[in-house]
Amino acid sequence: MGYLTSIRAGFEPEGCLRALDILAKTPEFETAIPPTAIRIESLKDFITKNPPQTLTQEGEARISATQPLTYDLPKNGESLKINSRHGASVADDIDAKFGK
């Protein structure tokens, strides 16, 4: 999942393999299940079946078909309010559940 997401977002394909290679050298991951070496081989196989060029094109198509979120600056000027596409903010949700 991390590979799909990162490549569609425009990150370089080798990054996931480098990250797993670093984890393979980290003592805490020596007992990982499945072992990191198997994860690396599985990812290499997955990359062969899902070429980065295709995933990058998918990501670019998705990004170009969306609109960026808008934002507002509150009166205090110390934070940023991201306007949800769904018409509510986390602050609105909290207020609705717990009151102001």
N, C-alpha and C. Protein backbone atom coordinates (compact mmCIF):
# COMPACT_ATOMS: atom_id res chain seq x y z
N MET A 1 0.83 -1.18 0.00
CA MET A 1 0.00 0.00 0.00
C MET A 1 0.89 1.26 0.00
N GLY A 2 1.94 1.23 0.79
CA GLY A 2 2.84 2.37 0.84
C GLY A 2 3.48 2.65 -0.50
N TYR A 3 3.86 1.58 -1.22
CA TYR A 3 4.47 1.73 -2.54
C TYR A 3 3.47 2.39 -3.49
N LEU A 4 2.25 1.86 -3.56
CA LEU A 4 1.24 2.41 -4.46
C LEU A 4 1.00 3.89 -4.19
N THR A 5 0.82 4.21 -2.93
CA THR A 5 0.51 5.59 -2.55
C THR A 5 1.68 6.53 -2.86
N SER A 6 2.87 6.11 -2.50
CA SER A 6 4.02 7.00 -2.69
C SER A 6 4.34 7.22 -4.17
N ILE A 7 4.22 6.20 -4.99
CA ILE A 7 4.51 6.36 -6.41
C ILE A 7 3.44 7.22 -7.08
N ARG A 8 2.18 6.98 -6.74
CA ARG A 8 1.10 7.80 -7.30
C ARG A 8 1.24 9.26 -6.88
N ALA A 9 1.86 9.49 -5.73
CA ALA A 9 2.06 10.86 -5.24
C ALA A 9 3.29 11.51 -5.86
N GLY A 10 4.05 10.74 -6.64
CA GLY A 10 5.19 11.32 -7.34
C GLY A 10 6.55 11.07 -6.72
N PHE A 11 6.62 10.25 -5.68
CA PHE A 11 7.91 9.94 -5.07
C PHE A 11 8.66 8.92 -5.91
N GLU A 12 9.96 8.90 -5.79
CA GLU A 12 10.75 7.99 -6.60
C GLU A 12 10.52 6.53 -6.19
N PRO A 13 10.44 5.64 -7.17
CA PRO A 13 10.14 4.24 -6.91
C PRO A 13 11.14 3.52 -6.01
N GLU A 14 12.39 3.89 -6.10
CA GLU A 14 13.42 3.21 -5.32
C GLU A 14 13.35 3.53 -3.83
N GLY A 15 12.60 4.57 -3.48
CA GLY A 15 12.52 4.99 -2.08
C GLY A 15 11.99 3.91 -1.15
N CYS A 16 10.98 3.20 -1.58
CA CYS A 16 10.40 2.13 -0.75
C CYS A 16 11.41 1.01 -0.52
N LEU A 17 12.14 0.66 -1.57
CA LEU A 17 13.16 -0.39 -1.42
C LEU A 17 14.28 0.07 -0.50
N ARG A 18 14.70 1.33 -0.63
CA ARG A 18 15.75 1.85 0.26
C ARG A 18 15.28 1.83 1.71
N ALA A 19 14.02 2.21 1.93
CA ALA A 19 13.48 2.21 3.30
C ALA A 19 13.49 0.80 3.88
N LEU A 20 13.06 -0.17 3.09
CA LEU A 20 13.06 -1.56 3.58
C LEU A 20 14.48 -2.06 3.80
N ASP A 21 15.41 -1.64 2.95
CA ASP A 21 16.80 -2.04 3.12
C ASP A 21 17.36 -1.51 4.44
N ILE A 22 17.00 -0.27 4.78
CA ILE A 22 17.43 0.31 6.06
C ILE A 22 16.80 -0.46 7.22
N LEU A 23 15.51 -0.78 7.09
CA LEU A 23 14.84 -1.55 8.16
C LEU A 23 15.48 -2.92 8.32
N ALA A 24 15.93 -3.52 7.22
CA ALA A 24 16.57 -4.83 7.30
C ALA A 24 17.86 -4.78 8.12
N LYS A 25 18.49 -3.62 8.16
CA LYS A 25 19.74 -3.45 8.91
C LYS A 25 19.50 -2.96 10.33
N THR A 26 18.24 -2.78 10.70
CA THR A 26 17.89 -2.28 12.03
C THR A 26 17.59 -3.45 12.94
N PRO A 27 18.27 -3.55 14.08
CA PRO A 27 18.10 -4.71 14.97
C PRO A 27 16.64 -4.98 15.37
N GLU A 28 15.86 -3.94 15.55
CA GLU A 28 14.47 -4.14 15.97
C GLU A 28 13.65 -4.91 14.94
N PHE A 29 14.08 -4.88 13.68
CA PHE A 29 13.33 -5.54 12.63
C PHE A 29 13.88 -6.91 12.25
N GLU A 30 14.90 -7.38 12.98
CA GLU A 30 15.46 -8.70 12.69
C GLU A 30 14.43 -9.81 12.89
N THR A 31 13.48 -9.58 13.78
CA THR A 31 12.47 -10.59 14.07
C THR A 31 11.12 -10.25 13.44
N ALA A 32 11.11 -9.33 12.47
CA ALA A 32 9.85 -8.93 11.83
C ALA A 32 9.20 -10.13 11.15
N ILE A 33 7.89 -10.12 11.16
CA ILE A 33 7.14 -11.19 10.50
C ILE A 33 6.25 -10.53 9.46
N PRO A 34 6.36 -10.81 8.19
CA PRO A 34 7.39 -11.65 7.61
C PRO A 34 8.75 -10.96 7.66
N PRO A 35 9.81 -11.73 7.54
CA PRO A 35 11.15 -11.13 7.57
C PRO A 35 11.30 -10.05 6.51
N THR A 36 12.11 -9.06 6.82
CA THR A 36 12.28 -7.92 5.92
C THR A 36 12.80 -8.35 4.56
N ALA A 37 13.67 -9.36 4.52
CA ALA A 37 14.19 -9.84 3.23
C ALA A 37 13.06 -10.35 2.34
N ILE A 38 12.08 -11.00 2.93
CA ILE A 38 10.93 -11.49 2.16
C ILE A 38 10.08 -10.31 1.70
N ARG A 39 9.94 -9.31 2.55
CA ARG A 39 9.19 -8.11 2.16
C ARG A 39 9.85 -7.42 0.97
N ILE A 40 11.17 -7.35 0.97
CA ILE A 40 11.91 -6.72 -0.12
C ILE A 40 11.68 -7.49 -1.42
N GLU A 41 11.79 -8.81 -1.37
CA GLU A 41 11.57 -9.62 -2.57
C GLU A 41 10.13 -9.49 -3.06
N SER A 42 9.17 -9.44 -2.14
CA SER A 42 7.77 -9.27 -2.51
C SER A 42 7.54 -7.92 -3.18
N LEU A 43 8.18 -6.89 -2.64
CA LEU A 43 8.04 -5.56 -3.22
C LEU A 43 8.66 -5.51 -4.61
N LYS A 44 9.81 -6.13 -4.79
CA LYS A 44 10.44 -6.17 -6.12
C LYS A 44 9.52 -6.85 -7.12
N ASP A 45 8.88 -7.94 -6.71
CA ASP A 45 7.94 -8.64 -7.58
C ASP A 45 6.74 -7.75 -7.88
N PHE A 46 6.24 -7.06 -6.87
CA PHE A 46 5.10 -6.16 -7.04
C PHE A 46 5.45 -5.02 -7.99
N ILE A 47 6.66 -4.48 -7.89
CA ILE A 47 7.11 -3.40 -8.77
C ILE A 47 7.15 -3.88 -10.21
N THR A 48 7.60 -5.12 -10.42
CA THR A 48 7.65 -5.67 -11.77
C THR A 48 6.24 -5.75 -12.36
N LYS A 49 5.27 -6.14 -11.54
CA LYS A 49 3.89 -6.28 -12.01
C LYS A 49 3.15 -4.95 -12.09
N ASN A 50 3.64 -3.94 -11.38
CA ASN A 50 3.00 -2.61 -11.33
C ASN A 50 4.05 -1.55 -11.62
N PRO A 51 4.39 -1.34 -12.88
CA PRO A 51 5.47 -0.42 -13.23
C PRO A 51 5.24 0.99 -12.69
N PRO A 52 6.30 1.61 -12.18
CA PRO A 52 6.19 2.95 -11.62
C PRO A 52 5.60 3.96 -12.61
N GLN A 53 5.93 3.82 -13.90
CA GLN A 53 5.43 4.77 -14.89
C GLN A 53 3.90 4.77 -14.94
N THR A 54 3.31 3.58 -14.85
CA THR A 54 1.85 3.47 -14.88
C THR A 54 1.24 4.11 -13.64
N LEU A 55 1.83 3.83 -12.48
CA LEU A 55 1.31 4.39 -11.24
C LEU A 55 1.46 5.90 -11.19
N THR A 56 2.58 6.40 -11.72
CA THR A 56 2.79 7.84 -11.76
C THR A 56 1.73 8.50 -12.64
N GLN A 57 1.44 7.90 -13.76
CA GLN A 57 0.40 8.43 -14.65
C GLN A 57 -0.96 8.42 -13.97
N GLU A 58 -1.27 7.35 -13.24
CA GLU A 58 -2.53 7.28 -12.50
C GLU A 58 -2.61 8.41 -11.48
N GLY A 59 -1.51 8.61 -10.75
CA GLY A 59 -1.48 9.68 -9.74
C GLY A 59 -1.67 11.05 -10.35
N GLU A 60 -0.99 11.30 -11.46
CA GLU A 60 -1.11 12.60 -12.13
C GLU A 60 -2.54 12.82 -12.61
N ALA A 61 -3.18 11.77 -13.13
CA ALA A 61 -4.56 11.89 -13.61
C ALA A 61 -5.50 12.20 -12.44
N ARG A 62 -5.28 11.54 -11.31
CA ARG A 62 -6.13 11.79 -10.14
C ARG A 62 -5.95 13.20 -9.60
N ILE A 63 -4.71 13.64 -9.54
CA ILE A 63 -4.44 14.98 -9.01
C ILE A 63 -5.04 16.05 -9.93
N SER A 64 -4.91 15.87 -11.23
CA SER A 64 -5.43 16.89 -12.14
C SER A 64 -6.96 16.93 -12.16
N ALA A 65 -7.61 15.86 -11.68
CA ALA A 65 -9.07 15.80 -11.66
C ALA A 65 -9.66 16.30 -10.34
N THR A 66 -8.83 16.76 -9.42
CA THR A 66 -9.33 17.22 -8.13
C THR A 66 -9.10 18.71 -7.95
N GLN A 67 -9.81 19.27 -7.02
CA GLN A 67 -9.63 20.67 -6.67
C GLN A 67 -8.92 20.74 -5.31
N PRO A 68 -7.99 21.65 -5.15
CA PRO A 68 -7.32 21.76 -3.85
C PRO A 68 -8.30 22.25 -2.78
N LEU A 69 -8.02 21.89 -1.55
CA LEU A 69 -8.82 22.40 -0.44
C LEU A 69 -8.55 23.89 -0.27
N THR A 70 -9.51 24.59 0.25
CA THR A 70 -9.31 26.01 0.54
C THR A 70 -9.03 26.15 2.03
N TYR A 71 -8.60 27.34 2.42
CA TYR A 71 -8.28 27.57 3.83
C TYR A 71 -8.64 28.99 4.22
N ASP A 72 -8.78 29.20 5.50
CA ASP A 72 -9.02 30.52 6.06
C ASP A 72 -8.07 30.74 7.22
N LEU A 73 -7.74 32.01 7.45
CA LEU A 73 -6.95 32.37 8.62
C LEU A 73 -7.92 32.86 9.70
N PRO A 74 -7.92 32.23 10.88
CA PRO A 74 -8.77 32.72 11.97
C PRO A 74 -8.33 34.11 12.41
N LYS A 75 -9.19 34.75 13.19
CA LYS A 75 -8.91 36.13 13.64
C LYS A 75 -7.61 36.23 14.42
N ASN A 76 -7.26 35.18 15.18
CA ASN A 76 -6.04 35.25 15.98
C ASN A 76 -4.78 35.18 15.11
N GLY A 77 -4.91 34.75 13.86
CA GLY A 77 -3.78 34.71 12.95
C GLY A 77 -2.72 33.70 13.33
N GLU A 78 -3.01 32.82 14.28
CA GLU A 78 -2.01 31.88 14.76
C GLU A 78 -2.23 30.45 14.28
N SER A 79 -3.26 30.24 13.51
CA SER A 79 -3.52 28.90 13.02
C SER A 79 -4.12 28.99 11.63
N LEU A 80 -4.42 27.86 11.07
CA LEU A 80 -4.95 27.78 9.73
C LEU A 80 -6.15 26.85 9.76
N LYS A 81 -7.26 27.25 9.19
CA LYS A 81 -8.45 26.40 9.13
C LYS A 81 -8.58 25.87 7.71
N ILE A 82 -8.48 24.56 7.56
CA ILE A 82 -8.65 23.93 6.26
C ILE A 82 -10.14 23.67 6.07
N ASN A 83 -10.69 24.15 4.97
CA ASN A 83 -12.10 23.95 4.70
C ASN A 83 -12.31 22.59 4.06
N SER A 84 -13.16 21.79 4.67
CA SER A 84 -13.42 20.45 4.19
C SER A 84 -14.30 20.48 2.95
N ARG A 85 -14.10 19.52 2.09
CA ARG A 85 -14.98 19.36 0.93
C ARG A 85 -16.37 18.94 1.36
N HIS A 86 -16.48 18.45 2.58
CA HIS A 86 -17.75 17.94 3.08
C HIS A 86 -18.52 19.02 3.84
N GLY A 87 -18.00 20.23 3.87
CA GLY A 87 -18.74 21.34 4.44
C GLY A 87 -18.61 21.52 5.93
N ALA A 88 -17.76 20.79 6.58
CA ALA A 88 -17.59 20.95 8.03
C ALA A 88 -16.11 20.82 8.37
N SER A 89 -15.75 21.36 9.50
CA SER A 89 -14.37 21.24 9.96
C SER A 89 -14.35 20.37 11.20
N VAL A 90 -13.19 19.98 11.61
CA VAL A 90 -13.06 19.21 12.85
C VAL A 90 -13.61 20.03 14.01
N ALA A 91 -13.33 21.34 14.00
CA ALA A 91 -13.84 22.20 15.07
C ALA A 91 -15.37 22.18 15.08
N ASP A 92 -15.99 22.21 13.90
CA ASP A 92 -17.45 22.13 13.84
C ASP A 92 -17.95 20.80 14.40
N ASP A 93 -17.25 19.72 14.07
CA ASP A 93 -17.64 18.40 14.58
C ASP A 93 -17.54 18.34 16.09
N ILE A 94 -16.47 18.90 16.65
CA ILE A 94 -16.27 18.90 18.10
C ILE A 94 -17.35 19.74 18.76
N ASP A 95 -17.60 20.91 18.18
CA ASP A 95 -18.66 21.78 18.73
C ASP A 95 -20.02 21.08 18.70
N ALA A 96 -20.30 20.37 17.62
CA ALA A 96 -21.58 19.68 17.49
C ALA A 96 -21.73 18.57 18.54
N LYS A 97 -20.63 17.90 18.86
CA LYS A 97 -20.70 16.80 19.83
C LYS A 97 -20.64 17.27 21.27
N PHE A 98 -19.86 18.32 21.52
CA PHE A 98 -19.61 18.69 22.90
C PHE A 98 -20.07 20.11 23.23
N GLY A 99 -20.54 20.86 22.27
CA GLY A 99 -20.93 22.24 22.52
C GLY A 99 -19.72 23.15 22.50
N LYS A 100 -19.99 24.44 22.45
CA LYS A 100 -18.87 25.40 22.41
C LYS A 100 -18.36 25.70 23.78
